Amino acid sequence: MSHTYAKVFPSMYSGSMYGAGMNVFAVWGWILAHKDENDELEINTQKVAHTLGGTIEGVESALAYLMKPDPQSRNKECEGRRLLKISEFGYRVVNGDYYRRLGGRRAEYWQIWREKQRLKSATRATVAQQAAQHCATKPVTQTETETEIEIEKKKKERGLIAPRRRFAAPSPTQVEDYAKSINYQLDGQLFVNHYAATGWTRGKGATPIKDWKACVRTWRDREHKEQVVAAKQETNEETVARMRAEGLLHD
């Protein structure tokens, strides 16, 4: 016996079977899953009970419910019965053809809907791809380049863009004059020789110097710190000498 695909609709649970109980719905679902293309099947109550985890009596009670007339059923065929007994073990689902046709219409609807969605996705992907290709292959015209140059020029004229200044190495005299202006005594030639040897770069990363005056200030601050440390060390030595003289400290 070959089985067919069984379509289950929400109306099965909210129609005239509402309140029939889990036992009836479990058996009815098993029947829909096992009927053949002619909506017929054989039912072994012992096998069904074992499969569903119920009792033989429970299966027989559900079959009796499904085979009795239902005046509230929307399908009036066979007085609303859902199942007919056609042999000792054989049964036929009464409204199987009706739901099969209904399921076919819904399946067709969803098939058309999925095809439309696929076409929409393909169209969006094509448009996005064409836009990306257009942006990637669009040449920069001479007019656009000239326009950018004009904008840059106008910004410089209005003072919106600071002109770029190239670094110029100072002379020893310039270094000494600046150092004097900040109350610092510095050998200008020593300073110039030091940075000329490094290609006017500073630090381990050989960063190009942009402002030599900032370097002069750095030298001043570093020398000041060294003098402070030396003064503290000298003070400590004087303190130790005094304590030894007073007998407060012994070697």
C-alpha atoms as a PDB file:
ATOM      1  CA  MET A   1       0.000   0.000   0.000  1.00  0.00           C
ATOM      2  CA  SER A   2       1.455   3.355  -1.009  1.00  0.00           C
ATOM      3  CA  HIS A   3       0.899   6.420   1.153  1.00  0.00           C
ATOM      4  CA  THR A   4       0.267   9.989   0.032  1.00  0.00           C
ATOM      5  CA  TYR A   5       1.119  13.412   1.407  1.00  0.00           C
ATOM      6  CA  ALA A   6      -1.491  14.511   3.962  1.00  0.00           C
ATOM      7  CA  LYS A   7      -2.321  18.200   4.256  1.00  0.00           C
ATOM      8  CA  VAL A   8      -3.451  19.259   7.732  1.00  0.00           C
ATOM      9  CA  PHE A   9      -5.479  22.471   8.084  1.00  0.00           C
ATOM     10  CA  PRO A  10      -6.110  24.559  11.232  1.00  0.00           C
ATOM     11  CA  SER A  11      -9.859  24.148  10.675  1.00  0.00           C
ATOM     12  CA  MET A  12      -9.493  20.502  11.670  1.00  0.00           C
ATOM     13  CA  TYR A  13      -8.909  21.656  15.255  1.00  0.00           C
ATOM     14  CA  SER A  14     -11.419  24.500  15.327  1.00  0.00           C
ATOM     15  CA  GLY A  15     -14.333  22.954  13.382  1.00  0.00           C
ATOM     16  CA  SER A  16     -16.985  20.536  14.611  1.00  0.00           C
ATOM     17  CA  MET A  17     -14.245  18.210  15.974  1.00  0.00           C
ATOM     18  CA  TYR A  18     -13.335  20.872  18.538  1.00  0.00           C
ATOM     19  CA  GLY A  19     -13.216  19.277  21.984  1.00  0.00           C
ATOM     20  CA  ALA A  20     -13.039  15.695  20.695  1.00  0.00           C
ATOM     21  CA  GLY A  21      -9.910  15.100  22.760  1.00  0.00           C
ATOM     22  CA  MET A  22      -6.270  14.288  22.100  1.00  0.00           C
ATOM     23  CA  ASN A  23      -7.013  10.614  21.532  1.00  0.00           C
ATOM     24  CA  VAL A  24      -9.293  11.331  18.560  1.00  0.00           C
ATOM     25  CA  PHE A  25      -6.928  13.861  16.979  1.00  0.00           C
ATOM     26  CA  ALA A  26      -3.959  11.497  17.378  1.00  0.00           C
ATOM     27  CA  VAL A  27      -5.777   8.619  15.639  1.00  0.00           C
ATOM     28  CA  TRP A  28      -7.165  10.938  12.950  1.00  0.00           C
ATOM     29  CA  GLY A  29      -3.668  12.241  12.216  1.00  0.00           C
ATOM     30  CA  TRP A  30      -2.341   8.681  11.947  1.00  0.00           C
ATOM     31  CA  ILE A  31      -5.134   7.838   9.503  1.00  0.00           C
ATOM     32  CA  LEU A  32      -4.414  10.869   7.275  1.00  0.00           C
ATOM     33  CA  ALA A  33      -0.721   9.960   7.202  1.00  0.00           C
ATOM     34  CA  HIS A  34      -1.349   6.322   6.192  1.00  0.00           C
ATOM     35  CA  LYS A  35      -4.222   6.518   3.684  1.00  0.00           C
ATOM     36  CA  ASP A  36      -3.419   5.720   0.052  1.00  0.00           C
ATOM     37  CA  GLU A  37      -4.183   7.687  -3.151  1.00  0.00           C
ATOM     38  CA  ASN A  38      -7.770   6.372  -2.998  1.00  0.00           C
ATOM     39  CA  ASP A  39      -8.131   7.597   0.595  1.00  0.00           C
ATOM     40  CA  GLU A  40      -8.285   3.994   1.822  1.00  0.00           C
ATOM     41  CA  LEU A  41      -6.204   2.164   4.433  1.00  0.00           C
ATOM     42  CA  GLU A  42      -6.150  -0.850   6.730  1.00  0.00           C
ATOM     43  CA  ILE A  43      -6.175  -0.241  10.456  1.00  0.00           C
ATOM     44  CA  ASN A  44      -4.740  -2.641  13.021  1.00  0.00           C
ATOM     45  CA  THR A  45      -5.924  -1.211  16.328  1.00  0.00           C
ATOM     46  CA  GLN A  46      -3.164  -2.962  18.276  1.00  0.00           C
ATOM     47  CA  LYS A  47      -0.449  -1.512  15.991  1.00  0.00           C
ATOM     48  CA  VAL A  48      -1.958   1.975  16.088  1.00  0.00           C
ATOM     49  CA  ALA A  49      -2.199   1.884  19.901  1.00  0.00           C
ATOM     50  CA  HIS A  50       1.438   0.783  20.180  1.00  0.00           C
ATOM     51  CA  THR A  51       2.584   3.493  17.727  1.00  0.00           C
ATOM     52  CA  LEU A  52       0.698   6.309  19.451  1.00  0.00           C
ATOM     53  CA  GLY A  53       1.419   5.122  22.992  1.00  0.00           C
ATOM     54  CA  GLY A  54      -2.287   4.554  23.749  1.00  0.00           C
ATOM     55  CA  THR A  55      -4.638   1.658  24.338  1.00  0.00           C
ATOM     56  CA  ILE A  56      -6.621  -0.539  21.948  1.00  0.00           C
ATOM     57  CA  GLU A  57      -9.815   0.652  23.611  1.00  0.00           C
ATOM     58  CA  GLY A  58      -8.798   4.241  23.068  1.00  0.00           C
ATOM     59  CA  VAL A  59      -8.163   3.627  19.353  1.00  0.00           C
ATOM     60  CA  GLU A  60     -11.496   1.822  18.948  1.00  0.00           C
ATOM     61  CA  SER A  61     -13.277   4.693  20.715  1.00  0.00           C
ATOM     62  CA  ALA A  62     -11.659   7.221  18.379  1.00  0.00           C
ATOM     63  CA  LEU A  63     -12.641   5.161  15.304  1.00  0.00           C
ATOM     64  CA  ALA A  64     -16.227   5.033  16.540  1.00  0.00           C
ATOM     65  CA  TYR A  65     -16.221   8.829  16.922  1.00  0.00           C
ATOM     66  CA  LEU A  66     -14.858   9.363  13.409  1.00  0.00           C
ATOM     67  CA  MET A  67     -17.436   6.981  11.879  1.00  0.00           C
ATOM     68  CA  LYS A  68     -20.519   8.474  13.525  1.00  0.00           C
ATOM     69  CA  PRO A  69     -22.678  11.138  11.797  1.00  0.00           C
ATOM     70  CA  ASP A  70     -21.802  14.786  12.530  1.00  0.00           C
ATOM     71  CA  PRO A  71     -24.607  17.218  11.706  1.00  0.00           C
ATOM     72  CA  GLN A  72     -22.319  20.164  12.495  1.00  0.00           C
ATOM     73  CA  SER A  73     -19.700  19.171   9.907  1.00  0.00           C
ATOM     74  CA  ARG A  74     -19.170  21.537   6.950  1.00  0.00           C
ATOM     75  CA  ASN A  75     -18.912  18.521   4.656  1.00  0.00           C
ATOM     76  CA  LYS A  76     -22.358  16.912   4.422  1.00  0.00           C
ATOM     77  CA  GLU A  77     -21.199  13.851   2.516  1.00  0.00           C
ATOM     78  CA  CYS A  78     -22.212  10.638   4.350  1.00  0.00           C
ATOM     79  CA  GLU A  79     -24.003  12.705   6.991  1.00  0.00           C
ATOM     80  CA  GLY A  80     -20.772  14.345   8.086  1.00  0.00           C
ATOM     81  CA  ARG A  81     -18.955  11.101   8.811  1.00  0.00           C
ATOM     82  CA  ARG A  82     -15.184  11.304   8.471  1.00  0.00           C
ATOM     83  CA  LEU A  83     -14.467   7.611   8.178  1.00  0.00           C
ATOM     84  CA  LEU A  84     -16.286   4.645   6.647  1.00  0.00           C
ATOM     85  CA  LYS A  85     -15.589   0.981   7.322  1.00  0.00           C
ATOM     86  CA  ILE A  86     -15.435  -0.905   4.015  1.00  0.00           C
ATOM     87  CA  SER A  87     -14.117  -4.328   5.179  1.00  0.00           C
ATOM     88  CA  GLU A  88     -13.017  -6.170   8.278  1.00  0.00           C
ATOM     89  CA  PHE A  89      -9.857  -4.057   8.578  1.00  0.00           C
ATOM     90  CA  GLY A  90     -10.379  -1.619   5.725  1.00  0.00           C
ATOM     91  CA  TYR A  91     -11.498   2.006   6.014  1.00  0.00           C
ATOM     92  CA  ARG A  92     -11.982   4.949   3.677  1.00  0.00           C
ATOM     93  CA  VAL A  93     -11.573   8.664   4.489  1.00  0.00           C
ATOM     94  CA  VAL A  94     -14.794  10.312   3.346  1.00  0.00           C
ATOM     95  CA  ASN A  95     -13.643  13.878   2.669  1.00  0.00           C
ATOM     96  CA  GLY A  96     -10.094  13.072   1.526  1.00  0.00           C
ATOM     97  CA  ASP A  97     -10.695  14.219  -2.045  1.00  0.00           C
ATOM     98  CA  TYR A  98     -12.131  17.557  -0.869  1.00  0.00           C
ATOM     99  CA  TYR A  99      -9.121  18.395   1.296  1.00  0.00           C
ATOM    100  CA  ARG A 100      -6.736  17.160  -1.358  1.00  0.00           C
ATOM    101  CA  ARG A 101      -8.212  19.621  -3.851  1.00  0.00           C
ATOM    102  CA  LEU A 102      -8.111  22.387  -1.239  1.00  0.00           C
ATOM    103  CA  GLY A 103      -4.511  21.567  -0.417  1.00  0.00           C
ATOM    104  CA  GLY A 104      -3.622  21.604  -4.087  1.00  0.00           C
ATOM    105  CA  ARG A 105      -4.983  25.127  -4.482  1.00  0.00           C
ATOM    106  CA  ARG A 106      -2.989  26.320  -1.469  1.00  0.00           C
ATOM    107  CA  ALA A 107       0.137  24.597  -2.753  1.00  0.00           C
ATOM    108  CA  GLU A 108      -0.282  26.327  -6.088  1.00  0.00           C
ATOM    109  CA  TYR A 109      -0.715  29.674  -4.350  1.00  0.00           C
ATOM    110  CA  TRP A 110       2.495  29.240  -2.333  1.00  0.00           C
ATOM    111  CA  GLN A 111       4.384  28.038  -5.379  1.00  0.00           C
ATOM    112  CA  ILE A 112       3.422  31.213  -7.261  1.00  0.00           C
ATOM    113  CA  TRP A 113       4.289  33.350  -4.211  1.00  0.00           C
ATOM    114  CA  ARG A 114       7.744  31.771  -3.864  1.00  0.00           C
ATOM    115  CA  GLU A 115       8.419  32.294  -7.571  1.00  0.00           C
ATOM    116  CA  LYS A 116       7.531  35.992  -7.260  1.00  0.00           C
ATOM    117  CA  GLN A 117       9.857  36.371  -4.283  1.00  0.00           C
ATOM    118  CA  ARG A 118      12.655  34.665  -6.182  1.00  0.00           C
ATOM    119  CA  LEU A 119      12.202  37.037  -9.129  1.00  0.00           C
ATOM    120  CA  LYS A 120      12.209  40.076  -6.799  1.00  0.00           C
ATOM    121  CA  SER A 121      15.441  38.942  -5.130  1.00  0.00           C
ATOM    122  CA  ALA A 122      17.081  38.302  -8.495  1.00  0.00           C
ATOM    123  CA  THR A 123      16.027  41.753  -9.734  1.00  0.00           C
ATOM    124  CA  ARG A 124      17.421  43.509  -6.644  1.00  0.00           C
ATOM    125  CA  ALA A 125      20.698  41.622  -6.949  1.00  0.00           C
ATOM    126  CA  THR A 126      21.011  42.547 -10.624  1.00  0.00           C
ATOM    127  CA  VAL A 127      20.349  46.240  -9.947  1.00  0.00           C
ATOM    128  CA  ALA A 128      22.909  46.298  -7.116  1.00  0.00           C
ATOM    129  CA  GLN A 129      25.506  44.576  -9.294  1.00  0.00           C
ATOM    130  CA  GLN A 130      24.957  47.009 -12.167  1.00  0.00           C
ATOM    131  CA  ALA A 131      25.260  49.992  -9.809  1.00  0.00           C
ATOM    132  CA  ALA A 132      28.531  48.638  -8.388  1.00  0.00           C
ATOM    133  CA  GLN A 133      29.955  48.070 -11.861  1.00  0.00           C
ATOM    134  CA  HIS A 134      28.926  51.577 -12.925  1.00  0.00           C
ATOM    135  CA  CYS A 135      30.693  53.152  -9.955  1.00  0.00           C
ATOM    136  CA  ALA A 136      33.799  51.026 -10.489  1.00  0.00           C
ATOM    137  CA  THR A 137      34.137  51.737 -14.202  1.00  0.00           C
ATOM    138  CA  LYS A 138      33.084  55.400 -14.204  1.00  0.00           C
ATOM    139  CA  PRO A 139      36.105  57.382 -15.513  1.00  0.00           C
ATOM    140  CA  VAL A 140      37.295  60.556 -13.826  1.00  0.00           C
ATOM    141  CA  THR A 141      36.959  63.254 -16.458  1.00  0.00           C
ATOM    142  CA  GLN A 142      39.321  66.166 -16.884  1.00  0.00           C
ATOM    143  CA  THR A 143      36.486  68.536 -16.014  1.00  0.00           C
ATOM    144  CA  GLU A 144      35.987  66.844 -12.638  1.00  0.00           C
ATOM    145  CA  THR A 145      39.726  67.044 -11.917  1.00  0.00           C
ATOM    146  CA  GLU A 146      39.856  70.715 -12.839  1.00  0.00           C
ATOM    147  CA  THR A 147      36.836  71.417 -10.639  1.00  0.00           C
ATOM    148  CA  GLU A 148      38.517  69.778  -7.631  1.00  0.00           C
ATOM    149  CA  ILE A 149      41.670  71.848  -8.229  1.00  0.00           C
ATOM    150  CA  GLU A 150      39.623  75.060  -8.394  1.00  0.00           C
ATOM    151  CA  ILE A 151      37.835  74.210  -5.127  1.00  0.00           C
ATOM    152  CA  GLU A 152      41.140  73.481  -3.420  1.00  0.00           C
ATOM    153  CA  LYS A 153      42.588  76.765  -4.712  1.00  0.00           C
ATOM    154  CA  LYS A 154      39.621  78.809  -3.477  1.00  0.00           C
ATOM    155  CA  LYS A 155      39.864  77.227  -0.026  1.00  0.00           C
ATOM    156  CA  LYS A 156      43.512  78.203   0.218  1.00  0.00           C
ATOM    157  CA  GLU A 157      42.740  81.770  -0.905  1.00  0.00           C
ATOM    158  CA  ARG A 158      40.067  82.106   1.786  1.00  0.00           C
ATOM    159  CA  GLY A 159      42.393  80.745   4.436  1.00  0.00           C
ATOM    160  CA  LEU A 160      40.308  77.606   4.964  1.00  0.00           C
ATOM    161  CA  ILE A 161      43.311  75.407   4.276  1.00  0.00           C
ATOM    162  CA  ALA A 162      46.655  76.195   5.904  1.00  0.00           C
ATOM    163  CA  PRO A 163      49.493  76.137   3.373  1.00  0.00           C
ATOM    164  CA  ARG A 164      51.882  73.249   3.792  1.00  0.00           C
ATOM    165  CA  ARG A 165      55.323  74.345   4.941  1.00  0.00           C
ATOM    166  CA  ARG A 166      58.413  72.358   4.115  1.00  0.00           C
ATOM    167  CA  PHE A 167      60.839  71.761   6.980  1.00  0.00           C
ATOM    168  CA  ALA A 168      63.976  73.927   6.847  1.00  0.00           C
ATOM    169  CA  ALA A 169      66.942  72.988   9.021  1.00  0.00           C
ATOM    170  CA  PRO A 170      68.047  75.881  11.281  1.00  0.00           C
ATOM    171  CA  SER A 171      71.535  77.310  11.487  1.00  0.00           C
ATOM    172  CA  PRO A 172      73.536  77.134  14.752  1.00  0.00           C
ATOM    173  CA  THR A 173      72.973  80.858  15.228  1.00  0.00           C
ATOM    174  CA  GLN A 174      69.178  80.480  14.878  1.00  0.00           C
ATOM    175  CA  VAL A 175      69.218  77.695  17.461  1.00  0.00           C
ATOM    176  CA  GLU A 176      71.231  79.725  19.964  1.00  0.00           C
ATOM    177  CA  ASP A 177      69.071  82.831  19.480  1.00  0.00           C
ATOM    178  CA  TYR A 178      65.871  80.883  20.117  1.00  0.00           C
ATOM    179  CA  ALA A 179      67.404  79.136  23.127  1.00  0.00           C
ATOM    180  CA  LYS A 180      68.333  82.531  24.649  1.00  0.00           C
ATOM    181  CA  SER A 181      64.727  83.719  24.122  1.00  0.00           C
ATOM    182  CA  ILE A 182      63.525  80.964  26.463  1.00  0.00           C
ATOM    183  CA  ASN A 183      66.359  81.481  29.003  1.00  0.00           C
ATOM    184  CA  TYR A 184      68.345  78.444  27.939  1.00  0.00           C
ATOM    185  CA  GLN A 185      72.064  78.233  27.142  1.00  0.00           C
ATOM    186  CA  LEU A 186      72.595  75.829  24.257  1.00  0.00           C
ATOM    187  CA  ASP A 187      75.460  75.096  21.863  1.00  0.00           C
ATOM    188  CA  GLY A 188      73.768  75.638  18.499  1.00  0.00           C
ATOM    189  CA  GLN A 189      76.428  73.742  16.570  1.00  0.00           C
ATOM    190  CA  LEU A 190      76.078  70.702  18.846  1.00  0.00           C
ATOM    191  CA  PHE A 191      72.308  70.730  18.343  1.00  0.00           C
ATOM    192  CA  VAL A 192      72.558  71.003  14.542  1.00  0.00           C
ATOM    193  CA  ASN A 193      75.248  68.299  14.299  1.00  0.00           C
ATOM    194  CA  HIS A 194      73.166  65.906  16.404  1.00  0.00           C
ATOM    195  CA  TYR A 195      70.052  66.072  14.214  1.00  0.00           C
ATOM    196  CA  ALA A 196      71.962  66.362  10.930  1.00  0.00           C
ATOM    197  CA  ALA A 197      73.461  62.958  11.751  1.00  0.00           C
ATOM    198  CA  THR A 198      69.974  61.451  12.079  1.00  0.00           C
ATOM    199  CA  GLY A 199      68.637  63.089   8.921  1.00  0.00           C
ATOM    200  CA  TRP A 200      66.572  65.454  11.077  1.00  0.00           C
ATOM    201  CA  THR A 201      64.526  62.661  12.572  1.00  0.00           C
ATOM    202  CA  ARG A 202      63.855  61.807  16.215  1.00  0.00           C
ATOM    203  CA  GLY A 203      63.087  58.744  18.298  1.00  0.00           C
ATOM    204  CA  LYS A 204      63.495  55.037  17.591  1.00  0.00           C
ATOM    205  CA  GLY A 205      60.912  55.264  14.851  1.00  0.00           C
ATOM    206  CA  ALA A 206      62.961  57.935  13.032  1.00  0.00           C
ATOM    207  CA  THR A 207      60.016  60.337  12.963  1.00  0.00           C
ATOM    208  CA  PRO A 208      60.712  63.346  10.726  1.00  0.00           C
ATOM    209  CA  ILE A 209      61.086  66.597  12.665  1.00  0.00           C
ATOM    210  CA  LYS A 210      58.480  69.217  11.837  1.00  0.00           C
ATOM    211  CA  ASP A 211      59.354  71.829  14.484  1.00  0.00           C
ATOM    212  CA  TRP A 212      62.999  72.162  15.561  1.00  0.00           C
ATOM    213  CA  LYS A 213      62.043  74.700  18.220  1.00  0.00           C
ATOM    214  CA  ALA A 214      60.027  72.001  19.990  1.00  0.00           C
ATOM    215  CA  CYS A 215      63.210  69.909  20.073  1.00  0.00           C
ATOM    216  CA  VAL A 216      65.095  72.793  21.704  1.00  0.00           C
ATOM    217  CA  ARG A 217      62.439  72.992  24.419  1.00  0.00           C
ATOM    218  CA  THR A 218      62.692  69.233  24.930  1.00  0.00           C
ATOM    219  CA  TRP A 219      66.474  69.506  25.423  1.00  0.00           C
ATOM    220  CA  ARG A 220      65.939  72.321  27.944  1.00  0.00           C
ATOM    221  CA  ASP A 221      63.329  70.350  29.933  1.00  0.00           C
ATOM    222  CA  ARG A 222      65.467  67.208  29.977  1.00  0.00           C
ATOM    223  CA  GLU A 223      68.547  69.138  31.188  1.00  0.00           C
ATOM    224  CA  HIS A 224      66.489  70.797  33.909  1.00  0.00           C
ATOM    225  CA  LYS A 225      65.284  67.420  35.191  1.00  0.00           C
ATOM    226  CA  GLU A 226      68.850  66.108  35.236  1.00  0.00           C
ATOM    227  CA  GLN A 227      69.953  69.138  37.282  1.00  0.00           C
ATOM    228  CA  VAL A 228      67.137  68.589  39.799  1.00  0.00           C
ATOM    229  CA  VAL A 229      68.093  64.939  40.267  1.00  0.00           C
ATOM    230  CA  ALA A 230      71.776  65.901  40.704  1.00  0.00           C
ATOM    231  CA  ALA A 231      70.866  68.542  43.310  1.00  0.00           C
ATOM    232  CA  LYS A 232      68.844  66.004  45.298  1.00  0.00           C
ATOM    233  CA  GLN A 233      71.722  63.536  45.178  1.00  0.00           C
ATOM    234  CA  GLU A 234      74.175  66.189  46.381  1.00  0.00           C
ATOM    235  CA  THR A 235      71.852  67.132  49.243  1.00  0.00           C
ATOM    236  CA  ASN A 236      71.655  63.508  50.321  1.00  0.00           C
ATOM    237  CA  GLU A 237      75.465  63.236  50.386  1.00  0.00           C
ATOM    238  CA  GLU A 238      75.719  66.374  52.541  1.00  0.00           C
ATOM    239  CA  THR A 239      73.175  64.916  54.966  1.00  0.00           C
ATOM    240  CA  VAL A 240      75.131  61.681  55.253  1.00  0.00           C
ATOM    241  CA  ALA A 241      78.391  63.595  55.916  1.00  0.00           C
ATOM    242  CA  ARG A 242      76.760  65.668  58.705  1.00  0.00           C
ATOM    243  CA  MET A 243      75.319  62.575  60.408  1.00  0.00           C
ATOM    244  CA  ARG A 244      78.727  60.927  60.369  1.00  0.00           C
ATOM    245  CA  ALA A 245      80.317  64.031  61.886  1.00  0.00           C
ATOM    246  CA  GLU A 246      77.756  64.036  64.683  1.00  0.00           C
ATOM    247  CA  GLY A 247      78.274  60.343  65.312  1.00  0.00           C
ATOM    248  CA  LEU A 248      74.780  59.471  64.306  1.00  0.00           C
ATOM    249  CA  LEU A 249      75.888  57.264  61.417  1.00  0.00           C
ATOM    250  CA  HIS A 250      78.690  54.713  61.458  1.00  0.00           C
ATOM    251  CA  ASP A 251      80.230  52.842  58.524  1.00  0.00           C
END
